[in-house]
Amino acid sequence: MAVDRPHPCGYAREARTGSKEHPERPEGCTEPLYKAHREAEMSAAHAYFSTRLQQAVGAGKRTPHAT
C-alpha cells in the first residue's frame, strides 16, 4: 500500500486534488531557492574534516583509528 506523503513542491497535492496551484511558500523562505549538489557538497565536507582530523592527529590531540 502506497503512503501519500506531501512533496515540498506540491506534486502529491496535485495528484490528490487535480489542482496545479502550488502551495504557499513557508514563512521566511525567500528567493533564490538553492538547488543542492549533494555529492559535491559531501565530498567537500569529507575533504575538510579529513584535513582537520589529520591536523589534530599531527598535533597529538587525536589518535588515528586502527583499520
PDB file of N, CA and C in Angstrom:
ATOM      1  N   MET A   1       0.839  -1.179   0.000  1.00  0.00           N
ATOM      2  CA  MET A   1       0.000   0.000   0.000  1.00  0.00           C
ATOM      3  C   MET A   1       0.885   1.244   0.000  1.00  0.00           C
ATOM      4  N   ALA A   2       0.675   2.114  -0.935  1.00  0.00           N
ATOM      5  CA  ALA A   2       1.475   3.333  -1.046  1.00  0.00           C
ATOM      6  C   ALA A   2       1.050   4.345   0.009  1.00  0.00           C
ATOM      7  N   VAL A   3       2.037   5.042   0.537  1.00  0.00           N
ATOM      8  CA  VAL A   3       1.778   6.092   1.523  1.00  0.00           C
ATOM      9  C   VAL A   3       1.789   7.427   0.800  1.00  0.00           C
ATOM     10  N   ASP A   4       0.758   8.227   0.986  1.00  0.00           N
ATOM     11  CA  ASP A   4       0.663   9.532   0.344  1.00  0.00           C
ATOM     12  C   ASP A   4       1.407  10.551   1.198  1.00  0.00           C
ATOM     13  N   ARG A   5       2.654  10.831   0.809  1.00  0.00           N
ATOM     14  CA  ARG A   5       3.468  11.799   1.543  1.00  0.00           C
ATOM     15  C   ARG A   5       3.466  13.126   0.788  1.00  0.00           C
ATOM     16  N   PRO A   6       3.346  14.229   1.494  1.00  0.00           N
ATOM     17  CA  PRO A   6       3.369  15.519   0.811  1.00  0.00           C
ATOM     18  C   PRO A   6       4.754  15.800   0.234  1.00  0.00           C
ATOM     19  N   HIS A   7       4.797  16.314  -0.951  1.00  0.00           N
ATOM     20  CA  HIS A   7       6.049  16.696  -1.594  1.00  0.00           C
ATOM     21  C   HIS A   7       6.213  18.195  -1.403  1.00  0.00           C
ATOM     22  N   PRO A   8       7.446  18.670  -1.156  1.00  0.00           N
ATOM     23  CA  PRO A   8       7.625  20.102  -0.907  1.00  0.00           C
ATOM     24  C   PRO A   8       7.150  20.994  -2.050  1.00  0.00           C
ATOM     25  N   CYS A   9       7.121  20.498  -3.260  1.00  0.00           N
ATOM     26  CA  CYS A   9       6.687  21.313  -4.395  1.00  0.00           C
ATOM     27  C   CYS A   9       5.202  21.159  -4.685  1.00  0.00           C
ATOM     28  N   GLY A  10       4.505  20.364  -3.911  1.00  0.00           N
ATOM     29  CA  GLY A  10       3.075  20.239  -4.071  1.00  0.00           C
ATOM     30  C   GLY A  10       2.623  19.178  -5.060  1.00  0.00           C
ATOM     31  N   TYR A  11       3.531  18.312  -5.525  1.00  0.00           N
ATOM     32  CA  TYR A  11       3.145  17.300  -6.508  1.00  0.00           C
ATOM     33  C   TYR A  11       2.123  16.328  -5.949  1.00  0.00           C
ATOM     34  N   ALA A  12       2.282  15.911  -4.703  1.00  0.00           N
ATOM     35  CA  ALA A  12       1.322  14.986  -4.110  1.00  0.00           C
ATOM     36  C   ALA A  12      -0.036  15.666  -4.002  1.00  0.00           C
ATOM     37  N   ARG A  13      -0.047  16.952  -3.703  1.00  0.00           N
ATOM     38  CA  ARG A  13      -1.310  17.698  -3.618  1.00  0.00           C
ATOM     39  C   ARG A  13      -2.000  17.716  -4.969  1.00  0.00           C
ATOM     40  N   GLU A  14      -1.227  17.932  -6.033  1.00  0.00           N
ATOM     41  CA  GLU A  14      -1.802  17.957  -7.375  1.00  0.00           C
ATOM     42  C   GLU A  14      -2.408  16.597  -7.712  1.00  0.00           C
ATOM     43  N   ALA A  15      -1.712  15.533  -7.352  1.00  0.00           N
ATOM     44  CA  ALA A  15      -2.227  14.198  -7.636  1.00  0.00           C
ATOM     45  C   ALA A  15      -3.514  13.936  -6.867  1.00  0.00           C
ATOM     46  N   ARG A  16      -3.607  14.440  -5.645  1.00  0.00           N
ATOM     47  CA  ARG A  16      -4.807  14.224  -4.818  1.00  0.00           C
ATOM     48  C   ARG A  16      -5.977  15.083  -5.272  1.00  0.00           C
ATOM     49  N   THR A  17      -5.689  16.372  -5.555  1.00  0.00           N
ATOM     50  CA  THR A  17      -6.773  17.325  -5.787  1.00  0.00           C
ATOM     51  C   THR A  17      -7.005  17.652  -7.253  1.00  0.00           C
ATOM     52  N   GLY A  18      -6.022  17.356  -8.120  1.00  0.00           N
ATOM     53  CA  GLY A  18      -6.135  17.726  -9.523  1.00  0.00           C
ATOM     54  C   GLY A  18      -5.794  19.186  -9.765  1.00  0.00           C
ATOM     55  N   SER A  19      -5.391  19.920  -8.710  1.00  0.00           N
ATOM     56  CA  SER A  19      -5.062  21.336  -8.811  1.00  0.00           C
ATOM     57  C   SER A  19      -3.583  21.508  -9.101  1.00  0.00           C
ATOM     58  N   LYS A  20      -3.238  22.378 -10.067  1.00  0.00           N
ATOM     59  CA  LYS A  20      -1.842  22.665 -10.361  1.00  0.00           C
ATOM     60  C   LYS A  20      -1.336  23.864  -9.563  1.00  0.00           C
ATOM     61  N   GLU A  21      -2.190  24.437  -8.753  1.00  0.00           N
ATOM     62  CA  GLU A  21      -1.816  25.589  -7.939  1.00  0.00           C
ATOM     63  C   GLU A  21      -0.800  25.147  -6.888  1.00  0.00           C
ATOM     64  N   HIS A  22       0.321  25.845  -6.807  1.00  0.00           N
ATOM     65  CA  HIS A  22       1.355  25.496  -5.835  1.00  0.00           C
ATOM     66  C   HIS A  22       0.972  26.009  -4.450  1.00  0.00           C
ATOM     67  N   PRO A  23       1.332  25.273  -3.427  1.00  0.00           N
ATOM     68  CA  PRO A  23       1.031  25.730  -2.076  1.00  0.00           C
ATOM     69  C   PRO A  23       1.825  26.990  -1.739  1.00  0.00           C
ATOM     70  N   GLU A  24       1.374  27.715  -0.743  1.00  0.00           N
ATOM     71  CA  GLU A  24       2.079  28.923  -0.309  1.00  0.00           C
ATOM     72  C   GLU A  24       3.483  28.558   0.156  1.00  0.00           C
ATOM     73  N   ARG A  25       4.435  29.432  -0.130  1.00  0.00           N
ATOM     74  CA  ARG A  25       5.809  29.231   0.328  1.00  0.00           C
ATOM     75  C   ARG A  25       5.842  29.463   1.833  1.00  0.00           C
ATOM     76  N   PRO A  26       6.559  28.630   2.586  1.00  0.00           N
ATOM     77  CA  PRO A  26       6.629  28.804   4.036  1.00  0.00           C
ATOM     78  C   PRO A  26       7.211  30.164   4.413  1.00  0.00           C
ATOM     79  N   GLU A  27       6.769  30.708   5.521  1.00  0.00           N
ATOM     80  CA  GLU A  27       7.259  31.998   6.003  1.00  0.00           C
ATOM     81  C   GLU A  27       8.761  31.929   6.215  1.00  0.00           C
ATOM     82  N   GLY A  28       9.476  32.947   5.775  1.00  0.00           N
ATOM     83  CA  GLY A  28      10.921  33.006   5.931  1.00  0.00           C
ATOM     84  C   GLY A  28      11.678  32.420   4.754  1.00  0.00           C
ATOM     85  N   CYS A  29      11.000  31.783   3.826  1.00  0.00           N
ATOM     86  CA  CYS A  29      11.636  31.192   2.650  1.00  0.00           C
ATOM     87  C   CYS A  29      11.683  32.257   1.565  1.00  0.00           C
ATOM     88  N   THR A  30      12.859  32.624   1.110  1.00  0.00           N
ATOM     89  CA  THR A  30      12.998  33.700   0.136  1.00  0.00           C
ATOM     90  C   THR A  30      13.761  33.219  -1.092  1.00  0.00           C
ATOM     91  N   GLU A  31      13.685  33.984  -2.146  1.00  0.00           N
ATOM     92  CA  GLU A  31      14.440  33.700  -3.371  1.00  0.00           C
ATOM     93  C   GLU A  31      15.896  34.073  -3.136  1.00  0.00           C
ATOM     94  N   PRO A  32      16.845  33.568  -3.846  1.00  0.00           N
ATOM     95  CA  PRO A  32      16.689  32.446  -4.754  1.00  0.00           C
ATOM     96  C   PRO A  32      16.723  31.132  -3.984  1.00  0.00           C
ATOM     97  N   LEU A  33      15.908  30.199  -4.410  1.00  0.00           N
ATOM     98  CA  LEU A  33      15.936  28.880  -3.804  1.00  0.00           C
ATOM     99  C   LEU A  33      17.177  28.161  -4.313  1.00  0.00           C
ATOM    100  N   TYR A  34      17.793  27.370  -3.477  1.00  0.00           N
ATOM    101  CA  TYR A  34      19.078  26.749  -3.752  1.00  0.00           C
ATOM    102  C   TYR A  34      18.904  25.304  -4.197  1.00  0.00           C
ATOM    103  N   LYS A  35      19.490  24.950  -5.326  1.00  0.00           N
ATOM    104  CA  LYS A  35      19.470  23.566  -5.779  1.00  0.00           C
ATOM    105  C   LYS A  35      20.718  22.895  -5.220  1.00  0.00           C
ATOM    106  N   ALA A  36      20.508  21.925  -4.365  1.00  0.00           N
ATOM    107  CA  ALA A  36      21.618  21.249  -3.705  1.00  0.00           C
ATOM    108  C   ALA A  36      22.368  20.338  -4.675  1.00  0.00           C
ATOM    109  N   HIS A  37      23.664  20.293  -4.506  1.00  0.00           N
ATOM    110  CA  HIS A  37      24.539  19.386  -5.248  1.00  0.00           C
ATOM    111  C   HIS A  37      25.150  18.455  -4.214  1.00  0.00           C
ATOM    112  N   ARG A  38      24.367  17.477  -3.779  1.00  0.00           N
ATOM    113  CA  ARG A  38      24.708  16.640  -2.634  1.00  0.00           C
ATOM    114  C   ARG A  38      26.064  15.955  -2.733  1.00  0.00           C
ATOM    115  N   GLU A  39      26.350  15.330  -3.866  1.00  0.00           N
ATOM    116  CA  GLU A  39      27.595  14.575  -3.971  1.00  0.00           C
ATOM    117  C   GLU A  39      28.810  15.490  -3.831  1.00  0.00           C
ATOM    118  N   ALA A  40      28.786  16.623  -4.517  1.00  0.00           N
ATOM    119  CA  ALA A  40      29.905  17.567  -4.437  1.00  0.00           C
ATOM    120  C   ALA A  40      30.029  18.153  -3.030  1.00  0.00           C
ATOM    121  N   GLU A  41      28.888  18.473  -2.400  1.00  0.00           N
ATOM    122  CA  GLU A  41      28.922  19.032  -1.046  1.00  0.00           C
ATOM    123  C   GLU A  41      29.462  18.017  -0.037  1.00  0.00           C
ATOM    124  N   MET A  42      29.038  16.765  -0.171  1.00  0.00           N
ATOM    125  CA  MET A  42      29.523  15.736   0.761  1.00  0.00           C
ATOM    126  C   MET A  42      31.002  15.465   0.549  1.00  0.00           C
ATOM    127  N   SER A  43      31.471  15.483  -0.699  1.00  0.00           N
ATOM    128  CA  SER A  43      32.893  15.290  -0.980  1.00  0.00           C
ATOM    129  C   SER A  43      33.723  16.419  -0.379  1.00  0.00           C
ATOM    130  N   ALA A  44      33.225  17.651  -0.524  1.00  0.00           N
ATOM    131  CA  ALA A  44      33.936  18.802   0.041  1.00  0.00           C
ATOM    132  C   ALA A  44      33.960  18.724   1.569  1.00  0.00           C
ATOM    133  N   ALA A  45      32.849  18.333   2.180  1.00  0.00           N
ATOM    134  CA  ALA A  45      32.797  18.207   3.638  1.00  0.00           C
ATOM    135  C   ALA A  45      33.746  17.108   4.114  1.00  0.00           C
ATOM    136  N   HIS A  46      33.793  15.995   3.401  1.00  0.00           N
ATOM    137  CA  HIS A  46      34.690  14.902   3.770  1.00  0.00           C
ATOM    138  C   HIS A  46      36.146  15.356   3.705  1.00  0.00           C
ATOM    139  N   ALA A  47      36.503  16.058   2.640  1.00  0.00           N
ATOM    140  CA  ALA A  47      37.873  16.551   2.491  1.00  0.00           C
ATOM    141  C   ALA A  47      38.227  17.521   3.621  1.00  0.00           C
ATOM    142  N   TYR A  48      37.309  18.420   3.945  1.00  0.00           N
ATOM    143  CA  TYR A  48      37.547  19.405   5.007  1.00  0.00           C
ATOM    144  C   TYR A  48      37.773  18.727   6.356  1.00  0.00           C
ATOM    145  N   PHE A  49      36.884  17.797   6.717  1.00  0.00           N
ATOM    146  CA  PHE A  49      37.010  17.158   8.018  1.00  0.00           C
ATOM    147  C   PHE A  49      38.157  16.152   8.063  1.00  0.00           C
ATOM    148  N   SER A  50      38.508  15.561   6.924  1.00  0.00           N
ATOM    149  CA  SER A  50      39.686  14.689   6.884  1.00  0.00           C
ATOM    150  C   SER A  50      40.948  15.495   7.153  1.00  0.00           C
ATOM    151  N   THR A  51      41.021  16.685   6.562  1.00  0.00           N
ATOM    152  CA  THR A  51      42.169  17.570   6.791  1.00  0.00           C
ATOM    153  C   THR A  51      42.245  17.977   8.258  1.00  0.00           C
ATOM    154  N   ARG A  52      41.107  18.355   8.828  1.00  0.00           N
ATOM    155  CA  ARG A  52      41.088  18.730  10.254  1.00  0.00           C
ATOM    156  C   ARG A  52      41.507  17.574  11.143  1.00  0.00           C
ATOM    157  N   LEU A  53      41.053  16.367  10.814  1.00  0.00           N
ATOM    158  CA  LEU A  53      41.426  15.190  11.603  1.00  0.00           C
ATOM    159  C   LEU A  53      42.924  14.937  11.503  1.00  0.00           C
ATOM    160  N   GLN A  54      43.469  15.018  10.304  1.00  0.00           N
ATOM    161  CA  GLN A  54      44.911  14.797  10.146  1.00  0.00           C
ATOM    162  C   GLN A  54      45.722  15.849  10.907  1.00  0.00           C
ATOM    163  N   GLN A  55      45.265  17.084  10.923  1.00  0.00           N
ATOM    164  CA  GLN A  55      45.948  18.139  11.686  1.00  0.00           C
ATOM    165  C   GLN A  55      45.890  17.834  13.184  1.00  0.00           C
ATOM    166  N   ALA A  56      44.744  17.363  13.660  1.00  0.00           N
ATOM    167  CA  ALA A  56      44.605  17.027  15.075  1.00  0.00           C
ATOM    168  C   ALA A  56      45.469  15.830  15.435  1.00  0.00           C
ATOM    169  N   VAL A  57      45.563  14.843  14.558  1.00  0.00           N
ATOM    170  CA  VAL A  57      46.427  13.682  14.802  1.00  0.00           C
ATOM    171  C   VAL A  57      47.879  14.140  14.841  1.00  0.00           C
ATOM    172  N   GLY A  58      48.255  14.998  13.888  1.00  0.00           N
ATOM    173  CA  GLY A  58      49.634  15.514  13.836  1.00  0.00           C
ATOM    174  C   GLY A  58      50.004  16.324  15.065  1.00  0.00           C
ATOM    175  N   ALA A  59      49.030  17.019  15.645  1.00  0.00           N
ATOM    176  CA  ALA A  59      49.275  17.837  16.840  1.00  0.00           C
ATOM    177  C   ALA A  59      49.162  17.010  18.125  1.00  0.00           C
ATOM    178  N   GLY A  60      48.835  15.722  18.001  1.00  0.00           N
ATOM    179  CA  GLY A  60      48.724  14.859  19.179  1.00  0.00           C
ATOM    180  C   GLY A  60      47.408  15.008  19.925  1.00  0.00           C
ATOM    181  N   LYS A  61      46.445  15.678  19.341  1.00  0.00           N
ATOM    182  CA  LYS A  61      45.143  15.855  20.013  1.00  0.00           C
ATOM    183  C   LYS A  61      44.217  14.667  19.795  1.00  0.00           C
ATOM    184  N   ARG A  62      44.458  13.874  18.776  1.00  0.00           N
ATOM    185  CA  ARG A  62      43.644  12.707  18.462  1.00  0.00           C
ATOM    186  C   ARG A  62      44.573  11.538  18.101  1.00  0.00           C
ATOM    187  N   THR A  63      44.049  10.342  18.279  1.00  0.00           N
ATOM    188  CA  THR A  63      44.797   9.174  17.835  1.00  0.00           C
ATOM    189  C   THR A  63      44.065   8.578  16.644  1.00  0.00           C
ATOM    190  N   PRO A  64      44.815   8.137  15.636  1.00  0.00           N
ATOM    191  CA  PRO A  64      44.156   7.571  14.459  1.00  0.00           C
ATOM    192  C   PRO A  64      43.469   6.239  14.805  1.00  0.00           C
ATOM    193  N   HIS A  65      42.365   5.964  14.107  1.00  0.00           N
ATOM    194  CA  HIS A  65      41.662   4.716  14.304  1.00  0.00           C
ATOM    195  C   HIS A  65      42.406   3.593  13.599  1.00  0.00           C
ATOM    196  N   ALA A  66      42.427   2.425  14.197  1.00  0.00           N
ATOM    197  CA  ALA A  66      43.009   1.256  13.548  1.00  0.00           C
ATOM    198  C   ALA A  66      42.051   0.771  12.481  1.00  0.00           C
ATOM    199  N   THR A  67      42.588   0.445  11.319  1.00  0.00           N
ATOM    200  CA  THR A  67      41.731  -0.044  10.242  1.00  0.00           C
ATOM    201  C   THR A  67      41.944  -1.509   9.991  1.00  0.00           C
TER     202      THR A  67
END
